[in-house]
PDB file of all heavy atoms in Angstrom:
ATOM      1  N   PHE A   1       0.828  -1.207   0.000  1.00  0.00           N
ATOM      2  CA  PHE A   1       0.000   0.000   0.000  1.00  0.00           C
ATOM      3  C   PHE A   1       0.862   1.257   0.000  1.00  0.00           C
ATOM      4  O   PHE A   1       0.533   2.256  -0.623  1.00  0.00           O
ATOM      5  CB  PHE A   1      -0.939   0.009   1.202  1.00  0.00           C
ATOM      6  CG  PHE A   1      -2.183  -0.801   1.001  1.00  0.00           C
ATOM      7  CD1 PHE A   1      -2.265  -2.093   1.464  1.00  0.00           C
ATOM      8  CD2 PHE A   1      -3.261  -0.267   0.331  1.00  0.00           C
ATOM      9  CE1 PHE A   1      -3.409  -2.843   1.271  1.00  0.00           C
ATOM     10  CE2 PHE A   1      -4.413  -1.005   0.132  1.00  0.00           C
ATOM     11  CZ  PHE A   1      -4.485  -2.300   0.602  1.00  0.00           C
ATOM     12  N   VAL A   2       1.958   1.208   0.717  1.00  0.00           N
ATOM     13  CA  VAL A   2       2.827   2.377   0.787  1.00  0.00           C
ATOM     14  C   VAL A   2       3.583   2.573  -0.520  1.00  0.00           C
ATOM     15  O   VAL A   2       3.744   3.684  -1.013  1.00  0.00           O
ATOM     16  CB  VAL A   2       3.812   2.243   1.966  1.00  0.00           C
ATOM     17  CG1 VAL A   2       4.762   3.442   2.013  1.00  0.00           C
ATOM     18  CG2 VAL A   2       3.054   2.119   3.285  1.00  0.00           C
ATOM     19  N   PHE A   3       4.047   1.456  -1.089  1.00  0.00           N
ATOM     20  CA  PHE A   3       4.780   1.499  -2.354  1.00  0.00           C
ATOM     21  C   PHE A   3       4.079   0.584  -3.355  1.00  0.00           C
ATOM     22  O   PHE A   3       4.538  -0.523  -3.620  1.00  0.00           O
ATOM     23  CB  PHE A   3       6.221   1.042  -2.158  1.00  0.00           C
ATOM     24  CG  PHE A   3       6.955   1.799  -1.091  1.00  0.00           C
ATOM     25  CD1 PHE A   3       7.204   1.214   0.145  1.00  0.00           C
ATOM     26  CD2 PHE A   3       7.381   3.096  -1.305  1.00  0.00           C
ATOM     27  CE1 PHE A   3       7.880   1.900   1.138  1.00  0.00           C
ATOM     28  CE2 PHE A   3       8.051   3.793  -0.308  1.00  0.00           C
ATOM     29  CZ  PHE A   3       8.303   3.206   0.917  1.00  0.00           C
ATOM     30  N   PRO A   4       2.938   1.015  -3.914  1.00  0.00           N
ATOM     31  CA  PRO A   4       2.174   0.144  -4.819  1.00  0.00           C
ATOM     32  C   PRO A   4       2.985  -0.238  -6.032  1.00  0.00           C
ATOM     33  O   PRO A   4       3.703   0.581  -6.604  1.00  0.00           O
ATOM     34  CB  PRO A   4       0.967   1.007  -5.204  1.00  0.00           C
ATOM     35  CG  PRO A   4       1.381   2.400  -4.916  1.00  0.00           C
ATOM     36  CD  PRO A   4       2.332   2.336  -3.770  1.00  0.00           C
ATOM     37  N   PRO A   5       2.920  -1.513  -6.460  1.00  0.00           N
ATOM     38  CA  PRO A   5       3.666  -1.955  -7.631  1.00  0.00           C
ATOM     39  C   PRO A   5       3.118  -1.320  -8.896  1.00  0.00           C
ATOM     40  O   PRO A   5       1.949  -0.971  -8.982  1.00  0.00           O
ATOM     41  CB  PRO A   5       3.445  -3.481  -7.631  1.00  0.00           C
ATOM     42  CG  PRO A   5       2.179  -3.679  -6.876  1.00  0.00           C
ATOM     43  CD  PRO A   5       2.131  -2.579  -5.845  1.00  0.00           C
ATOM     44  N   VAL A   6       3.961  -1.166  -9.882  1.00  0.00           N
ATOM     45  CA  VAL A   6       3.588  -0.568 -11.147  1.00  0.00           C
ATOM     46  C   VAL A   6       3.785  -1.582 -12.262  1.00  0.00           C
ATOM     47  O   VAL A   6       4.874  -2.132 -12.426  1.00  0.00           O
ATOM     48  CB  VAL A   6       4.435   0.690 -11.435  1.00  0.00           C
ATOM     49  CG1 VAL A   6       4.057   1.285 -12.783  1.00  0.00           C
ATOM     50  CG2 VAL A   6       4.265   1.707 -10.323  1.00  0.00           C
ATOM     51  N   ASP A   7       2.698  -1.817 -13.035  1.00  0.00           N
ATOM     52  CA  ASP A   7       2.756  -2.713 -14.189  1.00  0.00           C
ATOM     53  C   ASP A   7       3.435  -4.032 -13.858  1.00  0.00           C
ATOM     54  O   ASP A   7       4.326  -4.507 -14.551  1.00  0.00           O
ATOM     55  CB  ASP A   7       3.489  -2.043 -15.354  1.00  0.00           C
ATOM     56  CG  ASP A   7       2.747  -0.808 -15.826  1.00  0.00           C
ATOM     57  OD1 ASP A   7       1.513  -0.806 -15.724  1.00  0.00           O
ATOM     58  OD2 ASP A   7       3.402   0.133 -16.286  1.00  0.00           O
ATOM     59  N   GLU A   8       3.046  -4.626 -12.757  1.00  0.00           N
ATOM     60  CA  GLU A   8       3.632  -5.895 -12.355  1.00  0.00           C
ATOM     61  C   GLU A   8       3.177  -7.002 -13.292  1.00  0.00           C
ATOM     62  O   GLU A   8       1.992  -7.193 -13.519  1.00  0.00           O
ATOM     63  CB  GLU A   8       3.192  -6.221 -10.924  1.00  0.00           C
ATOM     64  CG  GLU A   8       3.750  -7.532 -10.399  1.00  0.00           C
ATOM     65  CD  GLU A   8       3.232  -7.820  -9.008  1.00  0.00           C
ATOM     66  OE1 GLU A   8       3.744  -7.202  -8.060  1.00  0.00           O
ATOM     67  OE2 GLU A   8       2.315  -8.640  -8.881  1.00  0.00           O
ATOM     68  N   PRO A   9       4.102  -7.768 -13.873  1.00  0.00           N
ATOM     69  CA  PRO A   9       3.704  -8.837 -14.788  1.00  0.00           C
ATOM     70  C   PRO A   9       3.065  -9.980 -14.028  1.00  0.00           C
ATOM     71  O   PRO A   9       3.316 -10.164 -12.838  1.00  0.00           O
ATOM     72  CB  PRO A   9       5.043  -9.270 -15.414  1.00  0.00           C
ATOM     73  CG  PRO A   9       6.068  -8.937 -14.365  1.00  0.00           C
ATOM     74  CD  PRO A   9       5.562  -7.686 -13.707  1.00  0.00           C
ATOM     75  N   PRO A  10       2.219 -10.761 -14.689  1.00  0.00           N
ATOM     76  CA  PRO A  10       1.622 -11.927 -14.033  1.00  0.00           C
ATOM     77  C   PRO A  10       2.694 -12.875 -13.546  1.00  0.00           C
ATOM     78  O   PRO A  10       3.712 -13.073 -14.207  1.00  0.00           O
ATOM     79  CB  PRO A  10       0.771 -12.556 -15.151  1.00  0.00           C
ATOM     80  CG  PRO A  10       0.522 -11.442 -16.100  1.00  0.00           C
ATOM     81  CD  PRO A  10       1.736 -10.581 -16.052  1.00  0.00           C
ATOM     82  N   ARG A  11       2.468 -13.459 -12.385  1.00  0.00           N
ATOM     83  CA  ARG A  11       3.427 -14.400 -11.828  1.00  0.00           C
ATOM     84  C   ARG A  11       2.871 -15.810 -11.854  1.00  0.00           C
ATOM     85  O   ARG A  11       1.687 -16.016 -12.011  1.00  0.00           O
ATOM     86  CB  ARG A  11       3.759 -14.010 -10.378  1.00  0.00           C
ATOM     87  CG  ARG A  11       4.501 -12.699 -10.264  1.00  0.00           C
ATOM     88  CD  ARG A  11       4.475 -12.197  -8.839  1.00  0.00           C
ATOM     89  NE  ARG A  11       3.150 -11.700  -8.512  1.00  0.00           N
ATOM     90  CZ  ARG A  11       2.788 -11.362  -7.295  1.00  0.00           C
ATOM     91  NH1 ARG A  11       3.631 -11.464  -6.298  1.00  0.00           N
ATOM     92  NH2 ARG A  11       1.573 -10.909  -7.057  1.00  0.00           N
ATOM     93  N   THR A  12       3.745 -16.759 -11.668  1.00  0.00           N
ATOM     94  CA  THR A  12       3.300 -18.140 -11.633  1.00  0.00           C
ATOM     95  C   THR A  12       2.543 -18.375 -10.345  1.00  0.00           C
ATOM     96  O   THR A  12       2.739 -17.651  -9.354  1.00  0.00           O
ATOM     97  CB  THR A  12       4.501 -19.097 -11.681  1.00  0.00           C
ATOM     98  OG1 THR A  12       5.292 -18.880 -10.503  1.00  0.00           O
ATOM     99  CG2 THR A  12       5.350 -18.833 -12.923  1.00  0.00           C
ATOM    100  N   PRO A  13       1.667 -19.395 -10.295  1.00  0.00           N
ATOM    101  CA  PRO A  13       0.925 -19.661  -9.058  1.00  0.00           C
ATOM    102  C   PRO A  13       1.836 -19.870  -7.864  1.00  0.00           C
ATOM    103  O   PRO A  13       1.570 -19.395  -6.774  1.00  0.00           O
ATOM    104  CB  PRO A  13       0.117 -20.921  -9.409  1.00  0.00           C
ATOM    105  CG  PRO A  13      -0.039 -20.858 -10.902  1.00  0.00           C
ATOM    106  CD  PRO A  13       1.233 -20.236 -11.403  1.00  0.00           C
ATOM    107  N   ASP A  14       2.970 -20.577  -8.050  1.00  0.00           N
ATOM    108  CA  ASP A  14       3.863 -20.830  -6.926  1.00  0.00           C
ATOM    109  C   ASP A  14       4.501 -19.547  -6.425  1.00  0.00           C
ATOM    110  O   ASP A  14       4.613 -19.304  -5.234  1.00  0.00           O
ATOM    111  CB  ASP A  14       4.962 -21.811  -7.339  1.00  0.00           C
ATOM    112  CG  ASP A  14       4.409 -23.211  -7.513  1.00  0.00           C
ATOM    113  OD1 ASP A  14       3.339 -23.491  -6.953  1.00  0.00           O
ATOM    114  OD2 ASP A  14       5.043 -24.009  -8.212  1.00  0.00           O
ATOM    115  N   ALA A  15       4.906 -18.674  -7.379  1.00  0.00           N
ATOM    116  CA  ALA A  15       5.517 -17.416  -6.971  1.00  0.00           C
ATOM    117  C   ALA A  15       4.510 -16.547  -6.247  1.00  0.00           C
ATOM    118  O   ALA A  15       4.823 -15.894  -5.261  1.00  0.00           O
ATOM    119  CB  ALA A  15       6.063 -16.681  -8.194  1.00  0.00           C
ATOM    120  N   ARG A  16       3.259 -16.551  -6.701  1.00  0.00           N
ATOM    121  CA  ARG A  16       2.244 -15.712  -6.072  1.00  0.00           C
ATOM    122  C   ARG A  16       1.938 -16.214  -4.668  1.00  0.00           C
ATOM    123  O   ARG A  16       1.697 -15.451  -3.759  1.00  0.00           O
ATOM    124  CB  ARG A  16       0.964 -15.712  -6.907  1.00  0.00           C
ATOM    125  CG  ARG A  16      -0.127 -14.860  -6.284  1.00  0.00           C
ATOM    126  CD  ARG A  16      -1.264 -14.626  -7.226  1.00  0.00           C
ATOM    127  NE  ARG A  16      -0.813 -13.800  -8.334  1.00  0.00           N
ATOM    128  CZ  ARG A  16      -0.522 -14.297  -9.532  1.00  0.00           C
ATOM    129  NH1 ARG A  16      -0.645 -15.568  -9.766  1.00  0.00           N
ATOM    130  NH2 ARG A  16      -0.100 -13.508 -10.491  1.00  0.00           N
ATOM    131  N   ARG A  17       1.972 -17.505  -4.511  1.00  0.00           N
ATOM    132  CA  ARG A  17       1.677 -18.054  -3.201  1.00  0.00           C
ATOM    133  C   ARG A  17       2.721 -17.603  -2.188  1.00  0.00           C
ATOM    134  O   ARG A  17       2.452 -17.381  -1.024  1.00  0.00           O
ATOM    135  CB  ARG A  17       1.637 -19.579  -3.276  1.00  0.00           C
ATOM    136  CG  ARG A  17       1.070 -20.233  -2.034  1.00  0.00           C
ATOM    137  CD  ARG A  17       0.944 -21.740  -2.231  1.00  0.00           C
ATOM    138  NE  ARG A  17       0.066 -22.043  -3.330  1.00  0.00           N
ATOM    139  CZ  ARG A  17       0.461 -22.675  -4.440  1.00  0.00           C
ATOM    140  NH1 ARG A  17       1.707 -23.028  -4.576  1.00  0.00           N
ATOM    141  NH2 ARG A  17      -0.390 -22.926  -5.399  1.00  0.00           N
ATOM    142  N   ASP A  18       3.980 -17.440  -2.648  1.00  0.00           N
ATOM    143  CA  ASP A  18       5.045 -17.036  -1.753  1.00  0.00           C
ATOM    144  C   ASP A  18       5.065 -15.545  -1.497  1.00  0.00           C
ATOM    145  O   ASP A  18       5.698 -15.081  -0.565  1.00  0.00           O
ATOM    146  CB  ASP A  18       6.402 -17.469  -2.329  1.00  0.00           C
ATOM    147  CG  ASP A  18       6.569 -18.975  -2.270  1.00  0.00           C
ATOM    148  OD1 ASP A  18       5.891 -19.608  -1.444  1.00  0.00           O
ATOM    149  OD2 ASP A  18       7.358 -19.494  -3.061  1.00  0.00           O
ATOM    150  N   SER A  19       4.395 -14.765  -2.338  1.00  0.00           N
ATOM    151  CA  SER A  19       4.466 -13.317  -2.179  1.00  0.00           C
ATOM    152  C   SER A  19       3.097 -12.684  -2.067  1.00  0.00           C
ATOM    153  O   SER A  19       2.898 -11.536  -2.410  1.00  0.00           O
ATOM    154  CB  SER A  19       5.217 -12.700  -3.368  1.00  0.00           C
ATOM    155  OG  SER A  19       4.543 -13.008  -4.574  1.00  0.00           O
ATOM    156  N   SER A  20       2.102 -13.435  -1.611  1.00  0.00           N
ATOM    157  CA  SER A  20       0.765 -12.872  -1.454  1.00  0.00           C
ATOM    158  C   SER A  20       0.783 -11.791  -0.404  1.00  0.00           C
ATOM    159  O   SER A  20       1.608 -11.777   0.486  1.00  0.00           O
ATOM    160  CB  SER A  20      -0.225 -13.977  -1.083  1.00  0.00           C
ATOM    161  OG  SER A  20       0.233 -14.668   0.046  1.00  0.00           O
ATOM    162  N   ARG A  21      -0.200 -10.861  -0.511  1.00  0.00           N
ATOM    163  CA  ARG A  21      -0.150  -9.659   0.311  1.00  0.00           C
ATOM    164  C   ARG A  21      -1.297  -9.618   1.317  1.00  0.00           C
ATOM    165  O   ARG A  21      -2.360 -10.127   1.084  1.00  0.00           O
ATOM    166  CB  ARG A  21      -0.221  -8.416  -0.579  1.00  0.00           C
ATOM    167  CG  ARG A  21       0.930  -8.320  -1.571  1.00  0.00           C
ATOM    168  CD  ARG A  21       0.723  -7.091  -2.429  1.00  0.00           C
ATOM    169  NE  ARG A  21       1.820  -6.908  -3.333  1.00  0.00           N
ATOM    170  CZ  ARG A  21       1.879  -7.446  -4.550  1.00  0.00           C
ATOM    171  NH1 ARG A  21       0.906  -8.209  -4.976  1.00  0.00           N
ATOM    172  NH2 ARG A  21       2.911  -7.223  -5.330  1.00  0.00           N
ATOM    173  N   ASP A  22      -1.044  -8.953   2.401  1.00  0.00           N
ATOM    174  CA  ASP A  22      -2.092  -8.610   3.357  1.00  0.00           C
ATOM    175  C   ASP A  22      -1.702  -7.277   3.955  1.00  0.00           C
ATOM    176  O   ASP A  22      -0.633  -6.757   3.687  1.00  0.00           O
ATOM    177  CB  ASP A  22      -2.214  -9.688   4.435  1.00  0.00           C
ATOM    178  CG  ASP A  22      -3.540  -9.635   5.135  1.00  0.00           C
ATOM    179  OD1 ASP A  22      -4.279  -8.667   4.928  1.00  0.00           O
ATOM    180  OD2 ASP A  22      -3.835 -10.563   5.907  1.00  0.00           O
ATOM    181  N   ALA A  23      -2.556  -6.716   4.773  1.00  0.00           N
ATOM    182  CA  ALA A  23      -2.252  -5.436   5.391  1.00  0.00           C
ATOM    183  C   ALA A  23      -2.956  -5.344   6.717  1.00  0.00           C
ATOM    184  O   ALA A  23      -3.985  -5.968   6.921  1.00  0.00           O
ATOM    185  CB  ALA A  23      -2.712  -4.293   4.487  1.00  0.00           C
ATOM    186  N   PRO A  24      -2.422  -4.596   7.663  1.00  0.00           N
ATOM    187  CA  PRO A  24      -3.139  -4.367   8.908  1.00  0.00           C
ATOM    188  C   PRO A  24      -4.434  -3.629   8.611  1.00  0.00           C
ATOM    189  O   PRO A  24      -4.600  -3.047   7.547  1.00  0.00           O
ATOM    190  CB  PRO A  24      -2.170  -3.529   9.739  1.00  0.00           C
ATOM    191  CG  PRO A  24      -1.217  -2.955   8.755  1.00  0.00           C
ATOM    192  CD  PRO A  24      -1.135  -3.923   7.630  1.00  0.00           C
TER     193      PRO A  24
END
């Protein structure tokens, strides 16, 4: 949220699982 990604390319399911996001 503080540093929103720009034009992030689609990732593989495994990569997304390791870098999924949440926030307080």
